[in-house]
């Protein structure tokens, strides 16, 4: 069997099973098995596929038909132009989450302009937190853009932090990110948390994060928190409902319950003038925006995604 035939048959099987984005899924699975890129795939349609690779490919196609996400089958997903390792322990990064990074970078640059200071293009002197880091995609993407900034990335899942640590090493930012097991920003809520790196062997050396008093103090806090309502579980795609970690998906019965605690903690841990950037769940804006309409916050803004859905809310601490 040649490449063209294998791909055609894979697409047909996925289409017949009504798998979403069946052409892309077939391409990614075949590329994964062959260890090639898309340019090679379409430049060598008559290249022979070995019987062993053919078997592996159609086994993956069958698993995709049963509901396993393509990203779990290939163990990778692209985000912000970077390739991330993905396992069952972390949420699969979505393109919509890139808006969090765009808003965060824009807000930081605008803050410098308003203060009459030159923009810190490398992030020197900035202290940034990523809450609920999962695969580490937000922290790592921002660290690539601001290589002189220092980061803390928290997650309640030790397994997720191990994946995030490996991704930080992969992209050469492990010396800038301290991974901490915590419930949002509350380390005391998680047993046996020292505040040190989960594993120095995995994620490199530990930066010093400046503190005000006894608390972390940040210029920027970003988060894509769990925001799906548990009552909506049955409406989720099977790939999401059965294969992605519930702790990273569900934020309570309604889905927006975690925002109040996160915003309250951000009030404590942001410096004066510090920036908070949060991803929003579908229809969560009416519940979240009032939490930022208080004397403690200013310059509240909402950014829509490409579908016109409110996706990111940002504010600055007064």
Protein backbone atom coordinates (compact mmCIF):
# COMPACT_ATOMS: atom_id res chain seq x y z
CA UNK A 1 0.00 0.00 0.00
CA UNK A 2 1.30 3.47 -0.86
CA UNK A 3 0.91 6.72 1.09
CA UNK A 4 -1.97 7.99 -1.08
CA UNK A 5 -3.98 4.81 -0.62
CA UNK A 6 -3.36 4.58 3.12
CA UNK A 7 -4.44 8.18 3.64
CA UNK A 8 -7.49 7.79 1.41
CA UNK A 9 -8.61 4.66 3.26
CA UNK A 10 -8.01 6.27 6.65
CA UNK A 11 -10.05 9.32 5.70
CA UNK A 12 -12.87 7.11 4.41
CA UNK A 13 -13.05 5.09 7.63
CA UNK A 14 -13.08 8.18 9.82
CA UNK A 15 -15.66 9.93 7.63
CA UNK A 16 -17.94 6.90 7.69
CA UNK A 17 -17.72 6.90 11.50
CA UNK A 18 -18.60 10.61 11.51
CA UNK A 19 -15.40 11.59 13.27
CA UNK A 20 -14.93 15.36 13.42
CA UNK A 21 -12.19 16.80 11.18
CA UNK A 22 -11.65 13.35 9.71
CA UNK A 23 -9.19 14.46 7.00
CA UNK A 24 -6.95 16.26 9.48
CA UNK A 25 -7.13 13.35 11.90
CA UNK A 26 -6.09 10.86 9.22
CA UNK A 27 -3.21 13.09 8.13
CA UNK A 28 -1.91 13.58 11.66
CA UNK A 29 -2.10 9.88 12.48
CA UNK A 30 -0.29 8.86 9.31
CA UNK A 31 2.36 11.54 9.82
CA UNK A 32 2.84 10.30 13.37
CA UNK A 33 3.34 6.70 12.26
CA UNK A 34 5.66 7.59 9.39
CA UNK A 35 7.61 10.24 11.32
CA UNK A 36 7.17 12.71 8.47
CA UNK A 37 5.75 16.21 7.95
CA UNK A 38 2.79 17.29 5.82
CA UNK A 39 4.99 18.59 2.98
CA UNK A 40 6.61 15.17 2.62
CA UNK A 41 3.23 13.45 2.78
CA UNK A 42 1.85 15.21 -0.27
CA UNK A 43 5.17 15.24 -2.15
CA UNK A 44 5.52 11.44 -1.92
CA UNK A 45 2.03 9.98 -2.49
CA UNK A 46 3.44 6.89 -4.20
CA UNK A 47 5.93 6.08 -1.43
CA UNK A 48 5.34 2.58 -0.09
CA UNK A 49 4.02 2.17 3.45
CA UNK A 50 5.52 -0.85 5.18
CA UNK A 51 3.10 -3.52 6.42
CA UNK A 52 4.12 -2.69 9.99
CA UNK A 53 3.36 1.02 9.58
CA UNK A 54 0.15 0.22 7.76
CA UNK A 55 -0.98 -1.90 10.69
CA UNK A 56 -0.04 0.81 13.22
CA UNK A 57 -1.86 3.47 11.21
CA UNK A 58 -5.14 1.60 10.94
CA UNK A 59 -4.95 0.59 14.60
CA UNK A 60 -4.76 4.30 15.48
CA UNK A 61 -7.62 5.05 13.10
CA UNK A 62 -9.72 2.43 14.88
CA UNK A 63 -8.89 3.93 18.25
CA UNK A 64 -9.83 7.38 16.98
CA UNK A 65 -13.18 5.99 15.86
CA UNK A 66 -13.83 4.74 19.40
CA UNK A 67 -13.42 8.31 20.69
CA UNK A 68 -9.77 8.67 21.68
CA UNK A 69 -8.57 12.20 20.80
CA UNK A 70 -6.02 12.46 18.04
CA UNK A 71 -3.74 14.36 20.43
CA UNK A 72 -3.68 11.41 22.84
CA UNK A 73 -2.84 9.04 20.01
CA UNK A 74 0.05 11.19 18.79
CA UNK A 75 0.98 12.56 22.25
CA UNK A 76 1.29 16.08 20.88
CA UNK A 77 -0.56 19.28 20.04
CA UNK A 78 0.57 22.56 18.49
CA UNK A 79 -0.10 25.75 20.42
CA UNK A 80 1.28 29.26 19.78
CA UNK A 81 3.45 27.73 17.06
CA UNK A 82 5.05 25.34 19.54
CA UNK A 83 4.64 21.58 19.86
CA UNK A 84 3.55 20.35 23.29
CA UNK A 85 3.58 16.88 24.76
CA UNK A 86 0.02 15.86 25.66
CA UNK A 87 -1.10 13.01 27.90
CA UNK A 88 -4.33 11.97 29.59
CA UNK A 89 -3.20 14.00 32.62
CA UNK A 90 -3.56 17.41 30.96
CA UNK A 91 -6.16 19.35 29.05
CA UNK A 92 -5.57 19.50 25.32
CA UNK A 93 -4.64 23.13 24.44
CA UNK A 94 -7.26 24.85 22.30
CA UNK A 95 -6.60 27.63 19.76
CA UNK A 96 -9.00 29.92 21.65
CA UNK A 97 -6.63 29.96 24.62
CA UNK A 98 -4.06 31.80 22.51
CA UNK A 99 -6.22 34.90 23.08
CA UNK A 100 -5.10 34.81 26.73
CA UNK A 101 -1.49 35.23 25.63
CA UNK A 102 -2.34 37.97 23.12
CA UNK A 103 -4.26 39.97 25.72
CA UNK A 104 -1.57 39.49 28.37
CA UNK A 105 1.23 40.70 26.10
CA UNK A 106 -0.83 43.64 24.87
CA UNK A 107 -1.73 44.68 28.42
CA UNK A 108 1.88 44.54 29.57
CA UNK A 109 3.02 46.66 26.62
CA UNK A 110 0.21 49.19 27.13
CA UNK A 111 1.04 49.50 30.83
CA UNK A 112 4.59 50.55 29.95
CA UNK A 113 3.35 53.08 27.41
CA UNK A 114 0.97 54.65 29.93
CA UNK A 115 3.79 54.87 32.48
CA UNK A 116 6.09 56.54 29.93
CA UNK A 117 8.56 53.68 30.15
CA UNK A 118 10.15 51.76 27.27
CA UNK A 119 8.43 48.47 26.59
CA UNK A 120 10.15 45.54 28.30
CA UNK A 121 10.36 43.43 25.19
CA UNK A 122 12.24 40.66 27.00
CA UNK A 123 10.20 40.79 30.22
CA UNK A 124 13.15 41.74 32.42
CA UNK A 125 12.03 42.32 35.98
CA UNK A 126 8.57 40.86 35.46
CA UNK A 127 7.10 38.18 37.73
CA UNK A 128 4.27 36.16 36.19
CA UNK A 129 1.97 33.41 37.43
CA UNK A 130 0.05 30.84 35.37
CA UNK A 131 -2.71 29.27 37.45
CA UNK A 132 -3.87 25.77 36.51
CA UNK A 133 -1.00 25.35 34.08
CA UNK A 134 -1.86 21.83 32.83
CA UNK A 135 0.51 21.11 29.95
CA UNK A 136 2.29 24.39 30.69
CA UNK A 137 1.23 25.82 27.34
CA UNK A 138 0.37 29.35 28.54
CA UNK A 139 3.38 29.82 30.81
CA UNK A 140 5.78 28.37 28.24
CA UNK A 141 4.36 30.40 25.36
CA UNK A 142 4.61 33.63 27.37
CA UNK A 143 8.11 32.65 28.53
CA UNK A 144 9.19 32.29 24.90
CA UNK A 145 7.90 35.81 24.24
CA UNK A 146 9.39 37.25 27.47
CA UNK A 147 12.58 35.24 28.02
CA UNK A 148 13.88 37.40 30.89
CA UNK A 149 10.69 37.20 32.96
CA UNK A 150 10.32 34.77 35.86
CA UNK A 151 7.30 32.49 36.29
CA UNK A 152 5.43 30.40 38.78
CA UNK A 153 3.05 27.86 37.26
CA UNK A 154 0.66 26.07 39.60
CA UNK A 155 -1.58 23.07 39.25
CA UNK A 156 -3.43 20.85 41.69
CA UNK A 157 -2.33 17.77 39.72
CA UNK A 158 1.24 16.49 40.30
CA UNK A 159 0.97 14.41 37.12
CA UNK A 160 0.13 17.51 35.09
CA UNK A 161 3.12 19.35 36.55
CA UNK A 162 5.45 16.56 35.41
CA UNK A 163 4.14 16.94 31.84
CA UNK A 164 4.45 20.72 32.05
CA UNK A 165 8.01 20.35 33.30
CA UNK A 166 8.97 18.18 30.36
CA UNK A 167 7.42 20.71 27.98
CA UNK A 168 9.40 23.51 29.63
CA UNK A 169 12.62 21.54 29.08
CA UNK A 170 11.64 20.83 25.47
CA UNK A 171 11.29 24.55 24.75
CA UNK A 172 14.30 25.70 26.75
CA UNK A 173 12.45 27.78 29.36
CA UNK A 174 12.78 25.43 32.35
CA UNK A 175 15.17 27.81 34.13
CA UNK A 176 12.53 30.54 34.11
CA UNK A 177 9.51 28.61 35.42
CA UNK A 178 8.97 27.27 38.92
CA UNK A 179 6.27 24.58 38.96
CA UNK A 180 4.32 24.41 42.21
CA UNK A 181 1.59 22.02 43.33
CA UNK A 182 -1.21 24.25 44.60
CA UNK A 183 -4.96 24.78 44.56
CA UNK A 184 -5.02 27.91 42.39
CA UNK A 185 -2.54 30.09 44.34
CA UNK A 186 -3.19 28.50 47.73
CA UNK A 187 -0.28 26.22 48.55
CA UNK A 188 -1.65 25.53 52.04
CA UNK A 189 -4.65 23.75 50.53
CA UNK A 190 -2.47 20.99 49.07
CA UNK A 191 -0.75 18.48 51.41
CA UNK A 192 3.04 18.32 51.49
CA UNK A 193 3.71 21.32 49.29
CA UNK A 194 7.12 22.85 49.86
CA UNK A 195 6.90 25.51 47.17
CA UNK A 196 9.94 24.06 45.46
CA UNK A 197 10.10 22.47 42.05
CA UNK A 198 8.25 19.20 41.75
CA UNK A 199 11.39 17.58 40.39
CA UNK A 200 14.57 19.52 39.70
CA UNK A 201 15.70 16.62 37.50
CA UNK A 202 12.69 17.14 35.27
CA UNK A 203 12.27 20.89 35.14
CA UNK A 204 15.65 22.40 35.87
CA UNK A 205 16.75 24.97 38.42
CA UNK A 206 14.48 27.12 40.53
CA UNK A 207 14.26 30.90 40.06
CA UNK A 208 13.67 33.19 43.00
CA UNK A 209 10.28 34.87 42.91
CA UNK A 210 10.23 38.21 44.68
CA UNK A 211 7.74 38.47 47.51
CA UNK A 212 5.96 41.32 49.25
CA UNK A 213 5.74 40.40 52.91
CA UNK A 214 5.01 36.69 53.01
CA UNK A 215 3.01 36.49 49.76
CA UNK A 216 3.96 35.98 46.16
CA UNK A 217 3.76 39.29 44.28
CA UNK A 218 3.21 39.29 40.53
CA UNK A 219 3.05 41.78 37.68
CA UNK A 220 0.77 39.44 35.75
CA UNK A 221 -1.49 36.53 36.60
CA UNK A 222 -2.94 34.47 33.75
CA UNK A 223 -5.25 31.48 33.94
CA UNK A 224 -7.40 29.17 31.89
CA UNK A 225 -9.32 27.74 34.85
CA UNK A 226 -11.78 24.83 34.75
CA UNK A 227 -14.99 26.46 33.57
CA UNK A 228 -17.34 23.75 32.28
CA UNK A 229 -20.41 23.12 34.41
CA UNK A 230 -20.75 19.56 35.67
CA UNK A 231 -24.44 19.70 34.71
CA UNK A 232 -23.26 20.12 31.11
CA UNK A 233 -21.13 16.97 31.10
CA UNK A 234 -23.54 14.99 28.95
CA UNK A 235 -23.44 17.67 26.25
CA UNK A 236 -19.68 17.44 25.79
CA UNK A 237 -18.15 15.55 22.90
CA UNK A 238 -17.22 11.98 23.80
CA UNK A 239 -13.55 12.76 23.20
CA UNK A 240 -13.68 15.44 25.89
CA UNK A 241 -16.05 13.80 28.36
CA UNK A 242 -14.34 10.41 28.42
CA UNK A 243 -10.69 11.23 27.86
CA UNK A 244 -9.73 14.64 29.27
CA UNK A 245 -9.12 15.14 33.01
CA UNK A 246 -12.29 16.12 34.85
CA UNK A 247 -10.36 18.30 37.29
CA UNK A 248 -9.19 20.46 34.39
CA UNK A 249 -12.65 20.66 32.82
CA UNK A 250 -15.27 21.16 35.50
CA UNK A 251 -15.40 24.29 37.62
CA UNK A 252 -18.49 23.33 39.61
CA UNK A 253 -22.12 22.66 38.83
CA UNK A 254 -22.48 25.88 36.84
CA UNK A 255 -18.85 26.06 35.71
CA UNK A 256 -17.94 29.53 36.94
CA UNK A 257 -17.58 28.77 40.66
CA UNK A 258 -13.76 28.92 40.73
CA UNK A 259 -13.52 32.48 39.43
CA UNK A 260 -14.48 34.10 42.74
CA UNK A 261 -11.66 32.38 44.63
CA UNK A 262 -9.17 33.00 41.81
CA UNK A 263 -9.99 36.71 41.63
CA UNK A 264 -9.82 37.03 45.41
CA UNK A 265 -6.38 35.40 45.46
CA UNK A 266 -5.23 37.61 42.59
CA UNK A 267 -6.17 40.66 44.67
CA UNK A 268 -3.71 39.45 47.30
CA UNK A 269 -0.90 38.32 45.02
CA UNK A 270 -0.85 41.03 42.34
CA UNK A 271 1.29 44.12 42.80
CA UNK A 272 -0.41 47.48 42.56
CA UNK A 273 -1.05 47.98 38.85
CA UNK A 274 -0.67 44.26 38.24
CA UNK A 275 -2.68 42.62 35.48
CA UNK A 276 -5.13 39.71 35.66
CA UNK A 277 -6.06 37.86 32.47
CA UNK A 278 -8.61 35.03 32.58
CA UNK A 279 -10.09 32.78 29.95
CA UNK A 280 -13.89 32.68 30.09
CA UNK A 281 -16.21 29.76 29.66
CA UNK A 282 -19.22 29.93 27.39
CA UNK A 283 -21.86 32.22 28.96
CA UNK A 284 -19.73 32.81 32.07
CA UNK A 285 -19.18 36.53 31.50
CA UNK A 286 -22.34 37.66 33.38
CA UNK A 287 -21.15 35.78 36.48
CA UNK A 288 -17.49 36.79 36.27
CA UNK A 289 -17.51 40.43 35.21
CA UNK A 290 -19.30 41.71 38.37
CA UNK A 291 -16.46 40.20 40.45
CA UNK A 292 -14.09 42.72 38.86
CA UNK A 293 -16.43 45.71 39.14
CA UNK A 294 -15.18 46.83 42.52
CA UNK A 295 -12.83 49.42 43.98
CA UNK A 296 -9.96 46.94 43.78
CA UNK A 297 -9.96 46.72 39.99
CA UNK A 298 -9.80 49.05 37.03
CA UNK A 299 -9.51 48.95 33.23
CA UNK A 300 -11.74 45.89 32.92
CA UNK A 301 -11.93 44.68 29.33
CA UNK A 302 -13.42 41.72 27.46
CA UNK A 303 -12.04 40.15 24.28
CA UNK A 304 -14.16 38.02 21.95
CA UNK A 305 -12.83 35.00 20.09
CA UNK A 306 -13.14 34.46 16.34
CA UNK A 307 -16.71 33.18 16.82
CA UNK A 308 -17.70 36.39 18.62
CA UNK A 309 -17.92 34.66 22.01
CA UNK A 310 -16.51 36.53 25.05
CA UNK A 311 -13.30 34.55 25.62
CA UNK A 312 -10.97 36.63 27.79
CA UNK A 313 -11.51 39.12 30.59
CA UNK A 314 -8.69 41.31 31.86
CA UNK A 315 -8.33 43.90 34.59
CA UNK A 316 -5.68 45.78 36.53
CA UNK A 317 -5.34 46.00 40.29
CA UNK A 318 -5.79 49.54 41.57
